[in-house]
Amino acid sequence: MDLDLRGKNAIVTGGTRGIGRAIAEQLAAEGCNVALCARGRAGIDETKAALAGKGVRAFGGTVDVADRKALRGWVDEAAGLLGGLDIFVANVSALERTQAMDEESWRLGLEIA
């Protein structure tokens, strides 16, 4: 499928596994340069290499999106490395951080997602 994304620049949060990884891979397959982040270092280098193997520029970083200051800094850095930003995919949620099904957990999920 051609989504006319060749040469565009995208950021995918939570982009090293699951749905986030699938999104990053599809963007790269469409010719989109991709920066991705995750809370932990595991998977970042491997995912970057897989994306770069599709012929696009790929960058990755470790950031907890719940830390707004760190997230903003990383987005600025990633956009600079990519040469701009066209697409932002907010793929994270706080659901795995809490098992409770209460108002505080709901609010945390809403604020992070």
Protein backbone atom coordinates (compact mmCIF):
# COMPACT_ATOMS: atom_id res chain seq x y z
CA MET A 1 0.00 0.00 0.00
CA ASP A 2 1.29 3.50 -0.71
CA LEU A 3 0.32 6.02 1.94
CA ASP A 4 2.48 8.77 0.34
CA LEU A 5 4.78 8.88 3.37
CA ARG A 6 8.14 8.57 1.59
CA GLY A 7 10.55 11.08 3.08
CA LYS A 8 8.23 12.07 5.94
CA ASN A 9 9.51 12.01 9.53
CA ALA A 10 7.69 10.23 12.34
CA ILE A 11 8.01 9.66 16.08
CA VAL A 12 6.49 6.57 17.68
CA THR A 13 6.40 6.33 21.45
CA GLY A 14 6.55 2.82 22.82
CA GLY A 15 7.92 1.71 19.46
CA THR A 16 10.02 -1.34 20.31
CA ARG A 17 7.36 -4.03 20.68
CA GLY A 18 3.74 -4.89 20.08
CA ILE A 19 1.53 -2.41 18.31
CA GLY A 20 4.15 0.35 18.52
CA ARG A 21 6.74 -1.83 16.79
CA ALA A 22 4.21 -2.75 14.09
CA ILE A 23 3.43 0.93 13.53
CA ALA A 24 7.12 1.84 13.30
CA GLU A 25 7.76 -1.04 10.87
CA GLN A 26 4.84 -0.03 8.65
CA LEU A 27 5.91 3.61 8.59
CA ALA A 28 9.43 2.54 7.60
CA ALA A 29 8.06 0.20 4.93
CA GLU A 30 6.26 3.23 3.49
CA GLY A 31 9.57 5.13 3.31
CA CYS A 32 9.05 7.22 6.44
CA ASN A 33 12.05 8.04 8.67
CA VAL A 34 11.29 6.97 12.23
CA ALA A 35 12.40 7.93 15.73
CA LEU A 36 11.13 5.68 18.49
CA CYS A 37 11.37 5.57 22.22
CA ALA A 38 10.75 3.18 25.07
CA ARG A 39 11.21 3.29 28.83
CA GLY A 40 14.00 0.74 28.80
CA ARG A 41 16.99 0.28 26.52
CA ALA A 42 16.02 -3.30 25.63
CA GLY A 43 14.92 -3.56 22.03
CA ILE A 44 15.82 -0.06 20.92
CA ASP A 45 19.01 -0.91 19.02
CA GLU A 46 17.48 -4.00 17.41
CA THR A 47 14.38 -2.07 16.33
CA LYS A 48 16.47 0.80 14.93
CA ALA A 49 18.52 -1.67 12.89
CA ALA A 50 15.40 -3.39 11.55
CA LEU A 51 13.91 -0.05 10.50
CA ALA A 52 17.16 1.19 8.93
CA GLY A 53 17.25 -2.08 7.00
CA LYS A 54 14.18 -0.81 5.15
CA GLY A 55 16.26 2.07 3.74
CA VAL A 56 15.10 4.85 6.07
CA ARG A 57 16.78 6.86 8.82
CA ALA A 58 15.97 5.44 12.25
CA PHE A 59 16.74 6.81 15.70
CA GLY A 60 15.84 5.60 19.17
CA GLY A 61 15.96 6.80 22.72
CA THR A 62 15.13 5.88 26.26
CA VAL A 63 12.44 8.08 27.77
CA ASP A 64 9.52 7.67 30.15
CA VAL A 65 6.66 9.59 28.55
CA ALA A 66 5.17 10.18 32.00
CA ASP A 67 8.08 12.59 32.56
CA ARG A 68 6.83 15.49 30.45
CA LYS A 69 10.07 17.45 30.61
CA ALA A 70 12.10 14.43 29.46
CA LEU A 71 9.56 13.65 26.74
CA ARG A 72 9.61 17.19 25.38
CA GLY A 73 13.40 17.16 25.35
CA TRP A 74 13.49 13.83 23.54
CA VAL A 75 10.89 14.94 20.97
CA ASP A 76 12.95 18.07 20.26
CA GLU A 77 16.11 15.98 19.92
CA ALA A 78 14.43 13.38 17.69
CA ALA A 79 12.86 16.04 15.46
CA GLY A 80 16.29 17.64 15.10
CA LEU A 81 17.90 14.32 14.16
CA LEU A 82 15.15 13.59 11.65
CA GLY A 83 15.23 17.07 10.15
CA GLY A 84 11.69 17.93 11.19
CA LEU A 85 8.55 16.17 12.28
CA ASP A 86 5.49 15.27 10.24
CA ILE A 87 3.85 12.47 12.23
CA PHE A 88 3.58 11.82 15.97
CA VAL A 89 2.19 8.48 17.16
CA ALA A 90 1.42 8.44 20.89
CA ASN A 91 1.37 4.70 21.40
CA VAL A 92 1.99 4.32 25.12
CA SER A 93 -0.40 3.82 27.98
CA ALA A 94 -0.13 3.53 31.72
CA LEU A 95 -2.15 0.33 31.83
CA GLU A 96 0.82 -1.91 32.52
CA ARG A 97 1.94 0.32 35.39
CA THR A 98 -1.12 -0.36 37.45
CA GLN A 99 -3.44 -3.26 37.96
CA ALA A 100 -6.11 -1.25 39.76
CA MET A 101 -9.36 -0.40 38.04
CA ASP A 102 -10.07 2.84 39.87
CA GLU A 103 -10.36 6.52 39.04
CA GLU A 104 -6.70 7.30 39.75
CA SER A 105 -5.56 4.53 37.40
CA TRP A 106 -7.97 5.71 34.71
CA ARG A 107 -6.70 9.29 35.03
CA LEU A 108 -3.06 8.16 34.82
CA GLY A 109 -3.83 6.20 31.65
CA LEU A 110 -5.57 9.21 30.13
CA GLU A 111 -2.79 11.63 31.00
CA ILE A 112 0.02 9.42 29.67
CA ALA A 113 -1.64 8.07 26.55
